Amino acid sequence: MSNPVLACYDLEKTFVDGVSKVEVLRRVNLQVQAGEMLAIVGNSGSGKSTLMHLLGGLDQPSNGYVMLHGKNPHKLSESEKCQLRNQYLGFVYQFHHLLPEFSALENVGMPLLIRGEMPLRILEKAAHLLEMVGLKDRMQHRLSQLSGGERQRVAIARALVCDPLCVLADEPTGNLDPKNAEKVLNLFFDLQQKQQTSVVMVTHDPQIAQRAHRVLCLTEGVLV
């Protein structure tokens, strides 16, 4: 088996609340291979989002470590960590976290702008992704002019614009009605297959999880 694109080893996270300690994650081990679609299921409060934050280098583990493309993001400086994320990871959240003052095209191109790509290259790549997600005629629209499903499609295009090794998707359709959720998911899975991007997706929906290559359950901080 080839080296995983993203992995964690004996990962633990404990929160201290006054004098009490809450163990959210306990010795979690995970390896994500190139092109793999992995679903993580579990009850609310089981630590799924905490795990995603740790895998993405957005939070510091209490014990254990993460490896992204052979590097531990938690051992890097903040600027190096941001550069590593920008180069190898894409993020899709339940709430899109797009910037309302910018157009759909500008939102999608933002990671490439941060990377320092040439403006023409940014416009071409962002426009191509928006066309792929069915928003060819909505590129110049701001968020207030887009529906919830359209905004989430913009978020997916933004997550894929840098050709990441892996996308972390935390309940990416949890804020959508069933019809829009199905459309967005079909699109997401289609793009994942075309680009052979690895995906780690948190979901509470068993039907969505069944479409993944592998399903893991997070129960009381333990991944099984």
C-alpha atoms as a PDB file:
ATOM      1  CA  MET A   1       0.000   0.000   0.000  1.00  0.00           C
ATOM      2  CA  SER A   2       1.322   3.471  -0.892  1.00  0.00           C
ATOM      3  CA  ASN A   3       1.962   6.174   1.653  1.00  0.00           C
ATOM      4  CA  PRO A   4      -1.269   7.790   2.876  1.00  0.00           C
ATOM      5  CA  VAL A   5      -1.984  11.353   1.778  1.00  0.00           C
ATOM      6  CA  LEU A   6      -3.351  12.125   5.247  1.00  0.00           C
ATOM      7  CA  ALA A   7      -2.986  10.179   8.478  1.00  0.00           C
ATOM      8  CA  CYS A   8      -3.120  10.477  12.243  1.00  0.00           C
ATOM      9  CA  TYR A   9      -1.529   8.291  14.895  1.00  0.00           C
ATOM     10  CA  ASP A  10      -2.669   7.857  18.517  1.00  0.00           C
ATOM     11  CA  LEU A  11      -4.473  11.176  18.207  1.00  0.00           C
ATOM     12  CA  GLU A  12      -6.046  12.478  21.424  1.00  0.00           C
ATOM     13  CA  LYS A  13      -7.862  15.642  22.405  1.00  0.00           C
ATOM     14  CA  THR A  14      -8.788  16.586  25.960  1.00  0.00           C
ATOM     15  CA  PHE A  15     -10.575  19.768  26.964  1.00  0.00           C
ATOM     16  CA  VAL A  16     -10.175  21.138  30.473  1.00  0.00           C
ATOM     17  CA  ASP A  17     -13.264  22.802  31.941  1.00  0.00           C
ATOM     18  CA  GLY A  18     -12.341  24.199  35.322  1.00  0.00           C
ATOM     19  CA  VAL A  19     -11.211  21.209  37.366  1.00  0.00           C
ATOM     20  CA  SER A  20     -12.790  18.568  35.113  1.00  0.00           C
ATOM     21  CA  LYS A  21     -11.296  17.044  31.957  1.00  0.00           C
ATOM     22  CA  VAL A  22     -13.304  15.903  28.965  1.00  0.00           C
ATOM     23  CA  GLU A  23     -11.661  13.322  26.696  1.00  0.00           C
ATOM     24  CA  VAL A  24     -13.103  13.997  23.245  1.00  0.00           C
ATOM     25  CA  LEU A  25     -10.758  11.783  21.212  1.00  0.00           C
ATOM     26  CA  ARG A  26      -8.879   8.707  22.438  1.00  0.00           C
ATOM     27  CA  ARG A  27      -5.949   7.210  20.515  1.00  0.00           C
ATOM     28  CA  VAL A  28      -7.458   7.698  17.067  1.00  0.00           C
ATOM     29  CA  ASN A  29      -5.536   6.121  14.191  1.00  0.00           C
ATOM     30  CA  LEU A  30      -6.486   6.794  10.588  1.00  0.00           C
ATOM     31  CA  GLN A  31      -4.877   6.540   7.157  1.00  0.00           C
ATOM     32  CA  VAL A  32      -6.425   8.046   4.033  1.00  0.00           C
ATOM     33  CA  GLN A  33      -5.141   6.743   0.712  1.00  0.00           C
ATOM     34  CA  ALA A  34      -4.977   8.639  -2.580  1.00  0.00           C
ATOM     35  CA  GLY A  35      -8.381   8.889  -4.260  1.00  0.00           C
ATOM     36  CA  GLU A  36     -10.233   7.341  -1.311  1.00  0.00           C
ATOM     37  CA  MET A  37     -13.674   8.484  -0.203  1.00  0.00           C
ATOM     38  CA  LEU A  38     -13.959   7.932   3.547  1.00  0.00           C
ATOM     39  CA  ALA A  39     -17.066   8.594   5.644  1.00  0.00           C
ATOM     40  CA  ILE A  40     -17.016   9.131   9.403  1.00  0.00           C
ATOM     41  CA  VAL A  41     -20.315   8.705  11.226  1.00  0.00           C
ATOM     42  CA  GLY A  42     -21.253   9.116  14.866  1.00  0.00           C
ATOM     43  CA  ASN A  43     -23.732  10.687  17.245  1.00  0.00           C
ATOM     44  CA  SER A  44     -23.772  14.408  17.920  1.00  0.00           C
ATOM     45  CA  GLY A  45     -20.999  15.277  20.350  1.00  0.00           C
ATOM     46  CA  SER A  46     -18.939  12.193  19.517  1.00  0.00           C
ATOM     47  CA  GLY A  47     -15.939  14.290  18.443  1.00  0.00           C
ATOM     48  CA  LYS A  48     -16.319  14.223  14.646  1.00  0.00           C
ATOM     49  CA  SER A  49     -15.785  17.949  14.098  1.00  0.00           C
ATOM     50  CA  THR A  50     -12.912  17.989  16.603  1.00  0.00           C
ATOM     51  CA  LEU A  51     -11.221  15.223  14.617  1.00  0.00           C
ATOM     52  CA  MET A  52     -11.679  17.191  11.383  1.00  0.00           C
ATOM     53  CA  HIS A  53     -10.167  20.309  12.960  1.00  0.00           C
ATOM     54  CA  LEU A  54      -7.144  18.320  14.097  1.00  0.00           C
ATOM     55  CA  LEU A  55      -6.698  16.623  10.714  1.00  0.00           C
ATOM     56  CA  GLY A  56      -6.835  20.034   9.053  1.00  0.00           C
ATOM     57  CA  GLY A  57      -4.278  21.557  11.398  1.00  0.00           C
ATOM     58  CA  LEU A  58      -6.873  23.996  12.733  1.00  0.00           C
ATOM     59  CA  ASP A  59      -6.481  22.825  16.339  1.00  0.00           C
ATOM     60  CA  GLN A  60      -3.664  21.343  18.403  1.00  0.00           C
ATOM     61  CA  PRO A  61      -3.894  17.723  19.634  1.00  0.00           C
ATOM     62  CA  SER A  62      -3.309  16.852  23.284  1.00  0.00           C
ATOM     63  CA  ASN A  63      -1.342  13.765  22.227  1.00  0.00           C
ATOM     64  CA  GLY A  64      -0.436  11.969  19.011  1.00  0.00           C
ATOM     65  CA  TYR A  65       0.233  13.563  15.656  1.00  0.00           C
ATOM     66  CA  VAL A  66      -1.064  14.207  12.136  1.00  0.00           C
ATOM     67  CA  MET A  67       0.805  13.670   8.876  1.00  0.00           C
ATOM     68  CA  LEU A  68      -0.225  15.549   5.723  1.00  0.00           C
ATOM     69  CA  HIS A  69       1.848  14.723   2.641  1.00  0.00           C
ATOM     70  CA  GLY A  70       4.609  13.476   4.940  1.00  0.00           C
ATOM     71  CA  LYS A  71       4.642  16.558   7.183  1.00  0.00           C
ATOM     72  CA  ASN A  72       3.267  17.138  10.678  1.00  0.00           C
ATOM     73  CA  PRO A  73       1.358  20.460  10.454  1.00  0.00           C
ATOM     74  CA  HIS A  74       1.432  20.856  14.229  1.00  0.00           C
ATOM     75  CA  LYS A  75       5.237  21.047  14.172  1.00  0.00           C
ATOM     76  CA  LEU A  76       5.275  23.921  11.672  1.00  0.00           C
ATOM     77  CA  SER A  77       5.099  27.663  12.155  1.00  0.00           C
ATOM     78  CA  GLU A  78       1.720  29.268  11.555  1.00  0.00           C
ATOM     79  CA  SER A  79       2.734  30.551   8.109  1.00  0.00           C
ATOM     80  CA  GLU A  80       4.187  27.150   7.112  1.00  0.00           C
ATOM     81  CA  LYS A  81       1.038  25.428   8.361  1.00  0.00           C
ATOM     82  CA  CYS A  82      -1.173  27.759   6.305  1.00  0.00           C
ATOM     83  CA  GLN A  83       0.973  27.121   3.238  1.00  0.00           C
ATOM     84  CA  LEU A  84       0.708  23.352   3.737  1.00  0.00           C
ATOM     85  CA  ARG A  85      -3.086  23.554   4.075  1.00  0.00           C
ATOM     86  CA  ASN A  86      -3.391  25.796   1.035  1.00  0.00           C
ATOM     87  CA  GLN A  87      -1.343  23.415  -1.076  1.00  0.00           C
ATOM     88  CA  TYR A  88      -2.740  20.039  -0.050  1.00  0.00           C
ATOM     89  CA  LEU A  89      -6.136  20.435   1.654  1.00  0.00           C
ATOM     90  CA  GLY A  90      -9.585  21.632   0.685  1.00  0.00           C
ATOM     91  CA  PHE A  91     -12.376  22.329   3.186  1.00  0.00           C
ATOM     92  CA  VAL A  92     -16.168  22.119   2.826  1.00  0.00           C
ATOM     93  CA  TYR A  93     -18.285  22.925   5.873  1.00  0.00           C
ATOM     94  CA  GLN A  94     -21.977  22.675   6.721  1.00  0.00           C
ATOM     95  CA  PHE A  95     -22.035  26.475   6.599  1.00  0.00           C
ATOM     96  CA  HIS A  96     -20.140  27.568   3.500  1.00  0.00           C
ATOM     97  CA  HIS A  97     -17.874  30.261   5.087  1.00  0.00           C
ATOM     98  CA  LEU A  98     -17.796  32.219   1.843  1.00  0.00           C
ATOM     99  CA  LEU A  99     -17.034  35.954   1.805  1.00  0.00           C
ATOM    100  CA  PRO A 100     -20.260  37.918   1.143  1.00  0.00           C
ATOM    101  CA  GLU A 101     -18.514  40.995  -0.270  1.00  0.00           C
ATOM    102  CA  PHE A 102     -17.044  39.000  -3.163  1.00  0.00           C
ATOM    103  CA  SER A 103     -18.586  37.320  -6.205  1.00  0.00           C
ATOM    104  CA  ALA A 104     -18.778  33.557  -6.666  1.00  0.00           C
ATOM    105  CA  LEU A 105     -15.804  33.781  -9.056  1.00  0.00           C
ATOM    106  CA  GLU A 106     -13.728  35.778  -6.564  1.00  0.00           C
ATOM    107  CA  ASN A 107     -14.588  33.424  -3.700  1.00  0.00           C
ATOM    108  CA  VAL A 108     -13.479  30.369  -5.678  1.00  0.00           C
ATOM    109  CA  GLY A 109     -10.276  32.051  -6.802  1.00  0.00           C
ATOM    110  CA  MET A 110      -9.298  33.238  -3.303  1.00  0.00           C
ATOM    111  CA  PRO A 111      -7.074  30.222  -2.397  1.00  0.00           C
ATOM    112  CA  LEU A 112      -5.123  30.695  -5.650  1.00  0.00           C
ATOM    113  CA  LEU A 113      -4.774  34.421  -4.933  1.00  0.00           C
ATOM    114  CA  ILE A 114      -3.348  33.581  -1.496  1.00  0.00           C
ATOM    115  CA  ARG A 115      -0.949  31.173  -3.186  1.00  0.00           C
ATOM    116  CA  GLY A 116       0.280  33.981  -5.454  1.00  0.00           C
ATOM    117  CA  GLU A 117      -0.944  32.628  -8.799  1.00  0.00           C
ATOM    118  CA  MET A 118      -1.183  34.934 -11.821  1.00  0.00           C
ATOM    119  CA  PRO A 119      -4.565  36.735 -12.140  1.00  0.00           C
ATOM    120  CA  LEU A 120      -5.381  35.235 -15.548  1.00  0.00           C
ATOM    121  CA  ARG A 121      -4.644  31.725 -14.267  1.00  0.00           C
ATOM    122  CA  ILE A 122      -6.890  32.362 -11.242  1.00  0.00           C
ATOM    123  CA  LEU A 123      -9.803  33.535 -13.387  1.00  0.00           C
ATOM    124  CA  GLU A 124      -9.473  30.609 -15.795  1.00  0.00           C
ATOM    125  CA  LYS A 125      -9.290  27.968 -13.067  1.00  0.00           C
ATOM    126  CA  ALA A 126     -12.090  29.465 -10.950  1.00  0.00           C
ATOM    127  CA  ALA A 127     -14.369  29.856 -13.979  1.00  0.00           C
ATOM    128  CA  HIS A 128     -13.681  26.255 -15.044  1.00  0.00           C
ATOM    129  CA  LEU A 129     -14.633  24.902 -11.601  1.00  0.00           C
ATOM    130  CA  LEU A 130     -17.796  27.020 -11.425  1.00  0.00           C
ATOM    131  CA  GLU A 131     -18.793  25.730 -14.845  1.00  0.00           C
ATOM    132  CA  MET A 132     -18.208  22.174 -13.626  1.00  0.00           C
ATOM    133  CA  VAL A 133     -20.545  22.735 -10.666  1.00  0.00           C
ATOM    134  CA  GLY A 134     -23.243  24.183 -12.928  1.00  0.00           C
ATOM    135  CA  LEU A 135     -22.810  27.878 -12.107  1.00  0.00           C
ATOM    136  CA  LYS A 136     -21.540  29.163 -15.450  1.00  0.00           C
ATOM    137  CA  ASP A 137     -24.192  31.894 -15.491  1.00  0.00           C
ATOM    138  CA  ARG A 138     -23.819  32.843 -11.813  1.00  0.00           C
ATOM    139  CA  MET A 139     -20.103  33.595 -11.606  1.00  0.00           C
ATOM    140  CA  GLN A 140     -20.448  37.339 -11.035  1.00  0.00           C
ATOM    141  CA  HIS A 141     -23.259  37.002  -8.486  1.00  0.00           C
ATOM    142  CA  ARG A 142     -22.646  37.769  -4.833  1.00  0.00           C
ATOM    143  CA  LEU A 143     -23.838  35.480  -2.047  1.00  0.00           C
ATOM    144  CA  SER A 144     -27.042  37.428  -1.458  1.00  0.00           C
ATOM    145  CA  GLN A 145     -28.034  36.595  -5.046  1.00  0.00           C
ATOM    146  CA  LEU A 146     -27.383  32.850  -4.692  1.00  0.00           C
ATOM    147  CA  SER A 147     -29.538  30.106  -3.180  1.00  0.00           C
ATOM    148  CA  GLY A 148     -28.291  27.859  -0.376  1.00  0.00           C
ATOM    149  CA  GLY A 149     -27.548  25.041  -2.803  1.00  0.00           C
ATOM    150  CA  GLU A 150     -25.688  27.398  -5.142  1.00  0.00           C
ATOM    151  CA  ARG A 151     -23.583  28.758  -2.286  1.00  0.00           C
ATOM    152  CA  GLN A 152     -22.583  25.243  -1.264  1.00  0.00           C
ATOM    153  CA  ARG A 153     -21.607  24.466  -4.858  1.00  0.00           C
ATOM    154  CA  VAL A 154     -19.393  27.568  -4.796  1.00  0.00           C
ATOM    155  CA  ALA A 155     -17.833  26.228  -1.581  1.00  0.00           C
ATOM    156  CA  ILE A 156     -17.123  22.882  -3.268  1.00  0.00           C
ATOM    157  CA  ALA A 157     -15.522  24.628  -6.244  1.00  0.00           C
ATOM    158  CA  ARG A 158     -13.370  26.672  -3.844  1.00  0.00           C
ATOM    159  CA  ALA A 159     -12.304  23.500  -2.012  1.00  0.00           C
ATOM    160  CA  LEU A 160     -11.143  21.915  -5.276  1.00  0.00           C
ATOM    161  CA  VAL A 161      -9.579  24.919  -7.019  1.00  0.00           C
ATOM    162  CA  CYS A 162      -6.053  24.223  -5.730  1.00  0.00           C
ATOM    163  CA  ASP A 163      -6.186  20.544  -6.792  1.00  0.00           C
ATOM    164  CA  PRO A 164      -5.777  19.376  -3.177  1.00  0.00           C
ATOM    165  CA  LEU A 165      -4.653  15.900  -2.218  1.00  0.00           C
ATOM    166  CA  CYS A 166      -7.565  15.658   0.209  1.00  0.00           C
ATOM    167  CA  VAL A 167     -10.830  17.455   0.968  1.00  0.00           C
ATOM    168  CA  LEU A 168     -12.211  17.545   4.509  1.00  0.00           C
ATOM    169  CA  ALA A 169     -16.000  17.829   4.365  1.00  0.00           C
ATOM    170  CA  ASP A 170     -17.857  18.373   7.639  1.00  0.00           C
ATOM    171  CA  GLU A 171     -21.597  17.729   7.075  1.00  0.00           C
ATOM    172  CA  PRO A 172     -21.364  19.512   3.694  1.00  0.00           C
ATOM    173  CA  THR A 173     -25.101  19.214   2.988  1.00  0.00           C
ATOM    174  CA  GLY A 174     -26.405  19.434   6.552  1.00  0.00           C
ATOM    175  CA  ASN A 175     -27.786  22.918   5.961  1.00  0.00           C
ATOM    176  CA  LEU A 176     -29.665  22.046   2.752  1.00  0.00           C
ATOM    177  CA  ASP A 177     -33.099  20.604   2.026  1.00  0.00           C
ATOM    178  CA  PRO A 178     -33.088  16.962   0.787  1.00  0.00           C
ATOM    179  CA  LYS A 179     -33.492  17.833  -2.900  1.00  0.00           C
ATOM    180  CA  ASN A 180     -30.591  20.318  -2.932  1.00  0.00           C
ATOM    181  CA  ALA A 181     -28.517  18.046  -0.701  1.00  0.00           C
ATOM    182  CA  GLU A 182     -28.839  15.218  -3.226  1.00  0.00           C
ATOM    183  CA  LYS A 183     -27.810  17.505  -6.106  1.00  0.00           C
ATOM    184  CA  VAL A 184     -24.785  18.852  -4.250  1.00  0.00           C
ATOM    185  CA  LEU A 185     -23.676  15.384  -3.123  1.00  0.00           C
ATOM    186  CA  ASN A 186     -23.952  13.900  -6.610  1.00  0.00           C
ATOM    187  CA  LEU A 187     -21.854  16.766  -7.900  1.00  0.00           C
ATOM    188  CA  PHE A 188     -19.310  16.364  -5.109  1.00  0.00           C
ATOM    189  CA  PHE A 189     -18.919  12.627  -5.692  1.00  0.00           C
ATOM    190  CA  ASP A 190     -18.670  13.143  -9.454  1.00  0.00           C
ATOM    191  CA  LEU A 191     -15.896  15.720  -9.104  1.00  0.00           C
ATOM    192  CA  GLN A 192     -14.090  13.544  -6.562  1.00  0.00           C
ATOM    193  CA  GLN A 193     -14.005  10.662  -9.038  1.00  0.00           C
ATOM    194  CA  LYS A 194     -12.904  12.852 -11.941  1.00  0.00           C
ATOM    195  CA  GLN A 195     -10.085  14.491 -10.000  1.00  0.00           C
ATOM    196  CA  GLN A 196      -9.249  11.442  -7.868  1.00  0.00           C
ATOM    197  CA  THR A 197      -9.145  13.638  -4.775  1.00  0.00           C
ATOM    198  CA  SER A 198      -9.237  11.921  -1.407  1.00  0.00           C
ATOM    199  CA  VAL A 199     -12.216  12.905   0.739  1.00  0.00           C
ATOM    200  CA  VAL A 200     -12.861  12.564   4.455  1.00  0.00           C
ATOM    201  CA  MET A 201     -16.533  13.326   5.025  1.00  0.00           C
ATOM    202  CA  VAL A 202     -18.352  13.627   8.326  1.00  0.00           C
ATOM    203  CA  THR A 203     -22.033  12.782   8.020  1.00  0.00           C
ATOM    204  CA  HIS A 204     -24.931  11.698  10.211  1.00  0.00           C
ATOM    205  CA  ASP A 205     -26.774  10.258   7.191  1.00  0.00           C
ATOM    206  CA  PRO A 206     -26.283   6.472   6.690  1.00  0.00           C
ATOM    207  CA  GLN A 207     -27.342   6.709   3.036  1.00  0.00           C
ATOM    208  CA  ILE A 208     -24.593   9.221   2.321  1.00  0.00           C
ATOM    209  CA  ALA A 209     -22.059   7.128   4.228  1.00  0.00           C
ATOM    210  CA  GLN A 210     -22.927   4.046   2.151  1.00  0.00           C
ATOM    211  CA  ARG A 211     -21.647   5.803  -0.965  1.00  0.00           C
ATOM    212  CA  ALA A 212     -18.125   6.050   0.462  1.00  0.00           C
ATOM    213  CA  HIS A 213     -15.391   3.475  -0.093  1.00  0.00           C
ATOM    214  CA  ARG A 214     -14.999   3.008   3.641  1.00  0.00           C
ATOM    215  CA  VAL A 215     -17.129   3.924   6.679  1.00  0.00           C
ATOM    216  CA  LEU A 216     -15.762   4.466  10.179  1.00  0.00           C
ATOM    217  CA  CYS A 217     -17.772   5.196  13.324  1.00  0.00           C
ATOM    218  CA  LEU A 218     -16.638   7.557  16.058  1.00  0.00           C
ATOM    219  CA  THR A 219     -18.083   6.395  19.379  1.00  0.00           C
ATOM    220  CA  GLU A 220     -17.131   8.028  22.687  1.00  0.00           C
ATOM    221  CA  GLY A 221     -13.936   9.350  21.160  1.00  0.00           C
ATOM    222  CA  VAL A 222     -12.856   6.002  19.674  1.00  0.00           C
ATOM    223  CA  LEU A 223     -12.760   5.391  15.907  1.00  0.00           C
ATOM    224  CA  VAL A 224     -13.978   1.901  14.931  1.00  0.00           C
END
